């Protein structure tokens, strides 16, 4: 019976020492985290640089995402024009071309006005706008030829 008590007390001591070590590690980690956060809570160049960089990345992401949504909208309108053409609904296609022109104009204003805020994606969006403009002109010629 003494053996079991000794074993229990040893395991209790191990548990206690493990808890102390764990508690000590947690305190040390909190200390490191607080020192890390203090570095950024002080007014200084690093904080300003990181703040400006994060704003630029956020702005670039917002612009890029908005341009992407315009590209997806124009692409969906292109698919719709293809359906009008296959069904030979030239009156419907004529009305749809007007919608495409409005969307194209608004997308051009956005991309050419703000798109430079995402310099990596900007050339791709500009080229997509050019391609879409050519597609709209081709659709107009098709409607003119079919309607007369």
N, C-alpha and C. Protein backbone atom coordinates (compact mmCIF):
# COMPACT_ATOMS: atom_id res chain seq x y z
N UNK A 1 0.82 -1.19 0.00
CA UNK A 1 0.00 0.00 0.00
C UNK A 1 0.87 1.25 0.00
N UNK A 2 1.96 1.22 0.69
CA UNK A 2 2.86 2.36 0.67
C UNK A 2 3.42 2.61 -0.73
N UNK A 3 3.58 1.51 -1.45
CA UNK A 3 4.09 1.63 -2.81
C UNK A 3 3.13 2.44 -3.68
N UNK A 4 1.83 2.19 -3.53
CA UNK A 4 0.83 2.92 -4.31
C UNK A 4 0.78 4.39 -3.91
N UNK A 5 0.91 4.65 -2.63
CA UNK A 5 0.94 6.04 -2.19
C UNK A 5 2.19 6.76 -2.72
N UNK A 6 3.31 6.06 -2.69
CA UNK A 6 4.53 6.65 -3.21
C UNK A 6 4.40 6.91 -4.70
N UNK A 7 3.81 5.97 -5.39
CA UNK A 7 3.64 6.13 -6.83
C UNK A 7 2.67 7.29 -7.11
N UNK A 8 1.59 7.39 -6.34
CA UNK A 8 0.64 8.46 -6.50
C UNK A 8 1.29 9.82 -6.21
N UNK A 9 2.09 9.86 -5.14
CA UNK A 9 2.73 11.13 -4.80
C UNK A 9 3.74 11.53 -5.87
N UNK A 10 4.44 10.54 -6.43
CA UNK A 10 5.38 10.86 -7.50
C UNK A 10 4.65 11.37 -8.74
N UNK A 11 3.57 10.73 -9.07
CA UNK A 11 2.83 11.18 -10.24
C UNK A 11 2.17 12.54 -9.95
N UNK A 12 1.76 12.76 -8.71
CA UNK A 12 1.21 14.08 -8.36
C UNK A 12 2.28 15.15 -8.46
N UNK A 13 3.48 14.84 -8.00
CA UNK A 13 4.59 15.79 -8.12
C UNK A 13 4.92 16.06 -9.58
N UNK A 14 4.91 15.01 -10.39
CA UNK A 14 5.14 15.21 -11.83
C UNK A 14 4.08 16.11 -12.44
N UNK A 15 2.85 15.86 -12.06
CA UNK A 15 1.77 16.69 -12.57
C UNK A 15 1.94 18.14 -12.13
N UNK A 16 2.26 18.31 -10.87
CA UNK A 16 2.47 19.66 -10.35
C UNK A 16 3.63 20.35 -11.06
N UNK A 17 4.74 19.64 -11.24
CA UNK A 17 5.89 20.26 -11.92
C UNK A 17 5.58 20.52 -13.39
N UNK A 18 4.82 19.61 -14.01
CA UNK A 18 4.43 19.85 -15.41
C UNK A 18 3.52 21.07 -15.52
N UNK A 19 2.62 21.22 -14.56
CA UNK A 19 1.76 22.40 -14.57
C UNK A 19 2.57 23.68 -14.39
N UNK A 20 3.55 23.62 -13.50
CA UNK A 20 4.41 24.80 -13.31
C UNK A 20 5.19 25.14 -14.58
N UNK A 21 5.72 24.12 -15.23
CA UNK A 21 6.46 24.35 -16.48
C UNK A 21 5.54 24.92 -17.56
N UNK A 22 4.36 24.35 -17.66
CA UNK A 22 3.39 24.84 -18.65
C UNK A 22 3.00 26.28 -18.36
N UNK A 23 2.73 26.58 -17.08
CA UNK A 23 2.38 27.94 -16.69
C UNK A 23 3.52 28.91 -16.98
N UNK A 24 4.74 28.48 -16.70
CA UNK A 24 5.92 29.30 -16.97
C UNK A 24 6.05 29.56 -18.47
N UNK A 25 5.83 28.52 -19.30
CA UNK A 25 5.91 28.70 -20.76
C UNK A 25 4.85 29.66 -21.27
N UNK A 26 3.65 29.54 -20.71
CA UNK A 26 2.58 30.45 -21.13
C UNK A 26 2.92 31.90 -20.77
N UNK A 27 3.43 32.10 -19.57
CA UNK A 27 3.83 33.45 -19.18
C UNK A 27 4.93 33.99 -20.08
N UNK A 28 5.89 33.14 -20.40
CA UNK A 28 6.99 33.56 -21.27
C UNK A 28 6.47 33.91 -22.67
N UNK A 29 5.54 33.10 -23.18
CA UNK A 29 4.95 33.41 -24.48
C UNK A 29 4.17 34.72 -24.46
N UNK A 30 3.44 34.95 -23.38
CA UNK A 30 2.72 36.21 -23.25
C UNK A 30 3.69 37.39 -23.18
N UNK A 31 4.80 37.19 -22.49
CA UNK A 31 5.81 38.23 -22.40
C UNK A 31 6.38 38.54 -23.78
N UNK A 32 6.69 37.51 -24.56
CA UNK A 32 7.20 37.73 -25.91
C UNK A 32 6.17 38.43 -26.78
N UNK A 33 4.91 38.00 -26.66
CA UNK A 33 3.85 38.62 -27.45
C UNK A 33 3.66 40.08 -27.05
N UNK A 34 3.72 40.37 -25.77
CA UNK A 34 3.55 41.76 -25.33
C UNK A 34 4.71 42.62 -25.81
N UNK A 35 5.94 42.06 -25.79
CA UNK A 35 7.08 42.82 -26.34
C UNK A 35 6.91 43.06 -27.83
N UNK A 36 6.42 42.05 -28.54
CA UNK A 36 6.18 42.19 -29.98
C UNK A 36 5.14 43.28 -30.23
N UNK A 37 4.05 43.26 -29.46
CA UNK A 37 2.99 44.24 -29.64
C UNK A 37 3.46 45.63 -29.23
N UNK A 38 4.32 45.73 -28.22
CA UNK A 38 4.86 47.03 -27.83
C UNK A 38 5.66 47.66 -28.95
N UNK A 39 6.33 46.85 -29.72
CA UNK A 39 7.11 47.37 -30.85
C UNK A 39 6.20 48.12 -31.81
N UNK A 40 5.00 47.59 -32.01
CA UNK A 40 4.09 48.21 -32.96
C UNK A 40 3.18 49.25 -32.33
N UNK A 41 3.09 49.28 -31.02
CA UNK A 41 2.24 50.28 -30.40
C UNK A 41 2.95 51.62 -30.23
N UNK A 42 4.26 51.60 -30.31
CA UNK A 42 5.01 52.85 -30.21
C UNK A 42 4.97 53.58 -31.54
N UNK A 43 4.93 54.89 -31.46
CA UNK A 43 5.00 55.69 -32.68
C UNK A 43 6.40 55.56 -33.25
N UNK A 44 6.48 55.20 -34.49
CA UNK A 44 7.79 55.06 -35.10
C UNK A 44 7.67 54.81 -36.58
N UNK A 45 8.81 54.74 -37.21
CA UNK A 45 8.84 54.55 -38.65
C UNK A 45 8.25 53.20 -39.07
N UNK A 46 8.59 52.15 -38.34
CA UNK A 46 8.11 50.83 -38.71
C UNK A 46 6.58 50.77 -38.71
N UNK A 47 5.97 51.35 -37.69
CA UNK A 47 4.52 51.35 -37.61
C UNK A 47 3.92 52.12 -38.79
N UNK A 48 4.48 53.25 -39.11
CA UNK A 48 3.95 54.05 -40.22
C UNK A 48 4.13 53.33 -41.55
N UNK A 49 5.29 52.71 -41.73
CA UNK A 49 5.55 51.99 -42.98
C UNK A 49 4.56 50.83 -43.14
N UNK A 50 4.37 50.07 -42.07
CA UNK A 50 3.43 48.95 -42.13
C UNK A 50 2.00 49.42 -42.34
N UNK A 51 1.65 50.51 -41.73
CA UNK A 51 0.30 51.06 -41.88
C UNK A 51 0.06 51.49 -43.33
N UNK A 52 1.01 52.19 -43.91
CA UNK A 52 0.89 52.63 -45.30
C UNK A 52 0.86 51.43 -46.24
N UNK A 53 1.73 50.46 -45.99
CA UNK A 53 1.76 49.26 -46.84
C UNK A 53 0.45 48.50 -46.77
N UNK A 54 -0.13 48.40 -45.58
CA UNK A 54 -1.40 47.67 -45.46
C UNK A 54 -2.53 48.43 -46.15
N UNK A 55 -2.51 49.75 -46.10
CA UNK A 55 -3.53 50.52 -46.82
C UNK A 55 -3.38 50.36 -48.33
N UNK A 56 -2.16 50.35 -48.83
CA UNK A 56 -1.93 50.16 -50.26
C UNK A 56 -2.38 48.78 -50.73
N UNK A 57 -2.10 47.77 -49.93
CA UNK A 57 -2.52 46.42 -50.29
C UNK A 57 -4.05 46.31 -50.27
N UNK A 58 -4.68 46.92 -49.27
CA UNK A 58 -6.14 46.89 -49.19
C UNK A 58 -6.76 47.63 -50.37
N UNK A 59 -6.21 48.79 -50.71
CA UNK A 59 -6.71 49.57 -51.85
C UNK A 59 -6.54 48.77 -53.14
N UNK A 60 -5.38 48.19 -53.32
CA UNK A 60 -5.10 47.40 -54.51
C UNK A 60 -6.06 46.21 -54.62
N UNK A 61 -6.32 45.56 -53.51
CA UNK A 61 -7.25 44.44 -53.51
C UNK A 61 -8.68 44.86 -53.82
N UNK A 62 -9.10 45.98 -53.27
CA UNK A 62 -10.44 46.48 -53.55
C UNK A 62 -10.60 46.82 -55.02
N UNK A 63 -9.62 47.51 -55.58
CA UNK A 63 -9.67 47.88 -56.99
C UNK A 63 -9.65 46.63 -57.86
N UNK A 64 -8.74 45.72 -57.58
CA UNK A 64 -8.64 44.49 -58.37
C UNK A 64 -9.91 43.67 -58.32
N UNK A 65 -10.52 43.57 -57.14
CA UNK A 65 -11.75 42.78 -57.01
C UNK A 65 -12.89 43.44 -57.79
N UNK A 66 -12.99 44.75 -57.72
CA UNK A 66 -14.04 45.45 -58.45
C UNK A 66 -13.86 45.29 -59.96
N UNK A 67 -12.62 45.41 -60.42
CA UNK A 67 -12.35 45.19 -61.84
C UNK A 67 -12.69 43.76 -62.24
N UNK A 68 -12.40 42.81 -61.38
CA UNK A 68 -12.73 41.41 -61.65
C UNK A 68 -14.23 41.23 -61.78
N UNK A 69 -15.00 41.87 -60.92
CA UNK A 69 -16.46 41.76 -60.99
C UNK A 69 -16.97 42.35 -62.31
N UNK A 70 -16.40 43.49 -62.74
CA UNK A 70 -16.77 44.04 -64.04
C UNK A 70 -16.46 43.06 -65.16
N UNK A 71 -15.29 42.45 -65.09
CA UNK A 71 -14.89 41.48 -66.12
C UNK A 71 -15.86 40.31 -66.16
N UNK A 72 -16.26 39.83 -65.00
CA UNK A 72 -17.22 38.73 -64.94
C UNK A 72 -18.59 39.15 -65.49
N UNK A 73 -19.00 40.37 -65.21
CA UNK A 73 -20.27 40.88 -65.72
C UNK A 73 -20.24 40.95 -67.24
N UNK A 74 -19.17 41.51 -67.78
CA UNK A 74 -19.04 41.59 -69.23
C UNK A 74 -18.99 40.21 -69.86
N UNK A 75 -18.33 39.28 -69.20
CA UNK A 75 -18.25 37.92 -69.73
C UNK A 75 -19.62 37.26 -69.75
N UNK A 76 -20.40 37.44 -68.70
CA UNK A 76 -21.75 36.88 -68.67
C UNK A 76 -22.61 37.50 -69.77
N UNK A 77 -22.45 38.79 -69.99
CA UNK A 77 -23.20 39.43 -71.07
C UNK A 77 -22.77 38.90 -72.44
N UNK A 78 -21.51 38.55 -72.57
CA UNK A 78 -21.02 37.95 -73.81
C UNK A 78 -21.67 36.59 -74.03
N UNK A 79 -21.78 35.78 -72.98
CA UNK A 79 -22.44 34.48 -73.10
C UNK A 79 -23.90 34.66 -73.50
N UNK A 80 -24.55 35.66 -72.93
CA UNK A 80 -25.95 35.93 -73.25
C UNK A 80 -26.10 36.33 -74.70
N UNK A 81 -25.19 37.16 -75.20
CA UNK A 81 -25.23 37.56 -76.62
C UNK A 81 -25.07 36.35 -77.53
N UNK A 82 -24.25 35.40 -77.12
CA UNK A 82 -24.08 34.18 -77.90
C UNK A 82 -25.40 33.40 -77.99
N UNK A 83 -26.16 33.38 -76.90
CA UNK A 83 -27.46 32.68 -76.91
C UNK A 83 -28.44 33.40 -77.83
N UNK A 84 -28.46 34.73 -77.78
CA UNK A 84 -29.32 35.50 -78.70
C UNK A 84 -28.94 35.20 -80.15
N UNK A 85 -27.66 35.12 -80.43
CA UNK A 85 -27.20 34.87 -81.80
C UNK A 85 -27.60 33.47 -82.25
N UNK A 86 -27.43 32.49 -81.40
CA UNK A 86 -27.80 31.11 -81.76
C UNK A 86 -29.30 30.96 -81.99
N UNK A 87 -30.08 31.70 -81.23
CA UNK A 87 -31.54 31.61 -81.41
C UNK A 87 -32.04 32.54 -82.51
N UNK A 88 -31.13 33.31 -83.08
CA UNK A 88 -31.44 34.27 -84.15
C UNK A 88 -32.50 35.28 -83.73
N UNK A 89 -32.43 35.70 -82.48
CA UNK A 89 -33.32 36.74 -81.95
C UNK A 89 -32.59 38.08 -82.09
N UNK A 90 -32.71 38.69 -83.24
CA UNK A 90 -31.92 39.89 -83.54
C UNK A 90 -32.45 41.12 -82.82
N UNK A 91 -33.75 41.16 -82.58
CA UNK A 91 -34.31 42.28 -81.81
C UNK A 91 -33.84 42.21 -80.36
N UNK A 92 -33.89 41.02 -79.79
CA UNK A 92 -33.40 40.85 -78.43
C UNK A 92 -31.92 41.15 -78.32
N UNK A 93 -31.15 40.71 -79.33
CA UNK A 93 -29.72 40.97 -79.33
C UNK A 93 -29.44 42.46 -79.44
N UNK A 94 -30.24 43.16 -80.22
CA UNK A 94 -30.07 44.62 -80.36
C UNK A 94 -30.24 45.33 -79.01
N UNK A 95 -31.27 44.93 -78.25
CA UNK A 95 -31.47 45.51 -76.92
C UNK A 95 -30.35 45.10 -75.96
N UNK A 96 -29.88 43.89 -76.10
CA UNK A 96 -28.80 43.41 -75.24
C UNK A 96 -27.49 44.14 -75.54
N UNK A 97 -27.28 44.49 -76.78
CA UNK A 97 -26.07 45.24 -77.15
C UNK A 97 -26.06 46.60 -76.45
N UNK A 98 -27.21 47.22 -76.30
CA UNK A 98 -27.29 48.50 -75.58
C UNK A 98 -26.88 48.32 -74.11
N UNK A 99 -27.32 47.23 -73.50
CA UNK A 99 -26.91 46.93 -72.12
C UNK A 99 -25.40 46.71 -72.06
N UNK A 100 -24.86 46.00 -73.02
CA UNK A 100 -23.42 45.73 -73.05
C UNK A 100 -22.64 47.04 -73.20
N UNK A 101 -23.15 47.96 -74.02
CA UNK A 101 -22.46 49.25 -74.21
C UNK A 101 -22.45 50.05 -72.91
N UNK A 102 -23.56 50.06 -72.18
CA UNK A 102 -23.62 50.78 -70.91
C UNK A 102 -22.64 50.18 -69.89
N UNK A 103 -22.65 48.87 -69.80
CA UNK A 103 -21.73 48.21 -68.87
C UNK A 103 -20.29 48.44 -69.28
N UNK A 104 -20.01 48.39 -70.58
CA UNK A 104 -18.66 48.62 -71.09
C UNK A 104 -18.20 50.04 -70.75
N UNK A 105 -19.07 51.02 -70.93
CA UNK A 105 -18.71 52.41 -70.63
C UNK A 105 -18.40 52.58 -69.15
N UNK A 106 -19.26 52.04 -68.30
CA UNK A 106 -19.03 52.18 -66.86
C UNK A 106 -17.76 51.45 -66.43
N UNK A 107 -17.53 50.26 -67.01
CA UNK A 107 -16.32 49.51 -66.68
C UNK A 107 -15.07 50.26 -67.14
N UNK A 108 -15.14 50.90 -68.31
CA UNK A 108 -14.00 51.69 -68.79
C UNK A 108 -13.70 52.86 -67.87
N UNK A 109 -14.74 53.53 -67.40
CA UNK A 109 -14.54 54.64 -66.46
C UNK A 109 -13.84 54.14 -65.20
N UNK A 110 -14.31 53.02 -64.68
CA UNK A 110 -13.73 52.48 -63.45
C UNK A 110 -12.30 52.00 -63.67
N UNK A 111 -12.10 51.17 -64.69
CA UNK A 111 -10.79 50.56 -64.90
C UNK A 111 -9.75 51.61 -65.29
N UNK A 112 -10.13 52.52 -66.18
CA UNK A 112 -9.16 53.54 -66.61
C UNK A 112 -8.97 54.62 -65.55
N UNK A 113 -9.97 54.82 -64.70
CA UNK A 113 -9.86 55.83 -63.66
C UNK A 113 -9.18 55.35 -62.40
N UNK A 114 -9.49 54.10 -62.01
CA UNK A 114 -8.97 53.58 -60.74
C UNK A 114 -8.11 52.33 -60.90
N UNK A 115 -8.14 51.71 -62.05
CA UNK A 115 -7.46 50.43 -62.26
C UNK A 115 -5.97 50.47 -62.05
N UNK A 116 -5.37 51.64 -62.22
CA UNK A 116 -3.92 51.77 -61.99
C UNK A 116 -3.56 51.45 -60.54
N UNK A 117 -4.57 51.47 -59.65
CA UNK A 117 -4.33 51.15 -58.25
C UNK A 117 -3.95 49.69 -58.03
N UNK A 118 -4.14 48.87 -59.05
CA UNK A 118 -3.70 47.48 -59.01
C UNK A 118 -2.83 47.25 -60.24
N UNK A 119 -1.57 47.66 -60.18
CA UNK A 119 -0.72 47.65 -61.38
C UNK A 119 -0.44 46.25 -61.94
N UNK A 120 -0.60 45.22 -61.14
CA UNK A 120 -0.35 43.87 -61.65
C UNK A 120 -1.49 43.43 -62.58
N UNK A 121 -2.71 43.75 -62.23
CA UNK A 121 -3.87 43.29 -63.00
C UNK A 121 -4.35 44.30 -64.04
N UNK A 122 -3.91 45.53 -63.93
CA UNK A 122 -4.43 46.59 -64.78
C UNK A 122 -4.28 46.31 -66.28
N UNK A 123 -3.11 45.89 -66.76
CA UNK A 123 -2.99 45.62 -68.20
C UNK A 123 -3.97 44.54 -68.69
N UNK A 124 -4.20 43.54 -67.87
CA UNK A 124 -5.14 42.48 -68.26
C UNK A 124 -6.56 43.02 -68.38
N UNK A 125 -6.96 43.88 -67.45
CA UNK A 125 -8.30 44.45 -67.52
C UNK A 125 -8.44 45.38 -68.72
N UNK A 126 -7.41 46.15 -69.02
CA UNK A 126 -7.46 47.03 -70.19
C UNK A 126 -7.58 46.23 -71.48
N UNK A 127 -6.84 45.15 -71.58
CA UNK A 127 -6.92 44.33 -72.79
C UNK A 127 -8.28 43.64 -72.89
N UNK A 128 -8.86 43.26 -71.75
CA UNK A 128 -10.19 42.65 -71.78
C UNK A 128 -11.22 43.67 -72.27
N UNK A 129 -11.10 44.91 -71.82
CA UNK A 129 -12.02 45.95 -72.28
C UNK A 129 -11.91 46.15 -73.79
N UNK A 130 -10.70 46.13 -74.31
CA UNK A 130 -10.51 46.28 -75.76
C UNK A 130 -11.15 45.11 -76.51
N UNK A 131 -10.95 43.91 -76.01
CA UNK A 131 -11.55 42.73 -76.65
C UNK A 131 -13.06 42.79 -76.61
N UNK A 132 -13.61 43.22 -75.50
CA UNK A 132 -15.06 43.30 -75.37
C UNK A 132 -15.62 44.38 -76.29
N UNK A 133 -14.90 45.48 -76.44
CA UNK A 133 -15.33 46.53 -77.36
C UNK A 133 -15.39 45.99 -78.79
N UNK A 134 -14.40 45.22 -79.19
CA UNK A 134 -14.39 44.62 -80.52
C UNK A 134 -15.56 43.65 -80.69
N UNK A 135 -15.86 42.89 -79.64
CA UNK A 135 -16.97 41.95 -79.69
C UNK A 135 -18.30 42.69 -79.85
N UNK A 136 -18.47 43.79 -79.14
CA UNK A 136 -19.70 44.58 -79.26
C UNK A 136 -19.85 45.10 -80.69
N UNK A 137 -18.77 45.60 -81.27
CA UNK A 137 -18.83 46.10 -82.66
C UNK A 137 -19.19 44.98 -83.63
N UNK A 138 -18.62 43.80 -83.41
CA UNK A 138 -18.94 42.66 -84.28
C UNK A 138 -20.42 42.28 -84.16
N UNK A 139 -20.95 42.32 -82.94
CA UNK A 139 -22.38 42.02 -82.75
C UNK A 139 -23.25 43.06 -83.44
N UNK A 140 -22.86 44.32 -83.34
CA UNK A 140 -23.64 45.37 -84.03
C UNK A 140 -23.67 45.14 -85.52
N UNK A 141 -22.53 44.77 -86.12
CA UNK A 141 -22.48 44.49 -87.56
C UNK A 141 -23.37 43.30 -87.91
N UNK A 142 -23.34 42.29 -87.06
CA UNK A 142 -24.17 41.10 -87.30
C UNK A 142 -25.66 41.48 -87.30
N UNK A 143 -26.07 42.30 -86.33
CA UNK A 143 -27.48 42.72 -86.26
C UNK A 143 -27.84 43.56 -87.47
N UNK A 144 -26.95 44.48 -87.86
CA UNK A 144 -27.20 45.31 -89.05
C UNK A 144 -27.37 44.44 -90.30
N UNK A 145 -26.53 43.44 -90.44
CA UNK A 145 -26.59 42.57 -91.61
C UNK A 145 -27.86 41.71 -91.60
N UNK A 146 -28.27 41.24 -90.44
CA UNK A 146 -29.43 40.37 -90.37
C UNK A 146 -30.75 41.14 -90.47
N UNK A 147 -30.82 42.30 -89.82
CA UNK A 147 -32.05 43.08 -89.84
C UNK A 147 -32.14 43.90 -91.13
N UNK A 148 -31.01 44.44 -91.54
CA UNK A 148 -30.96 45.16 -92.81
C UNK A 148 -30.94 46.61 -92.71
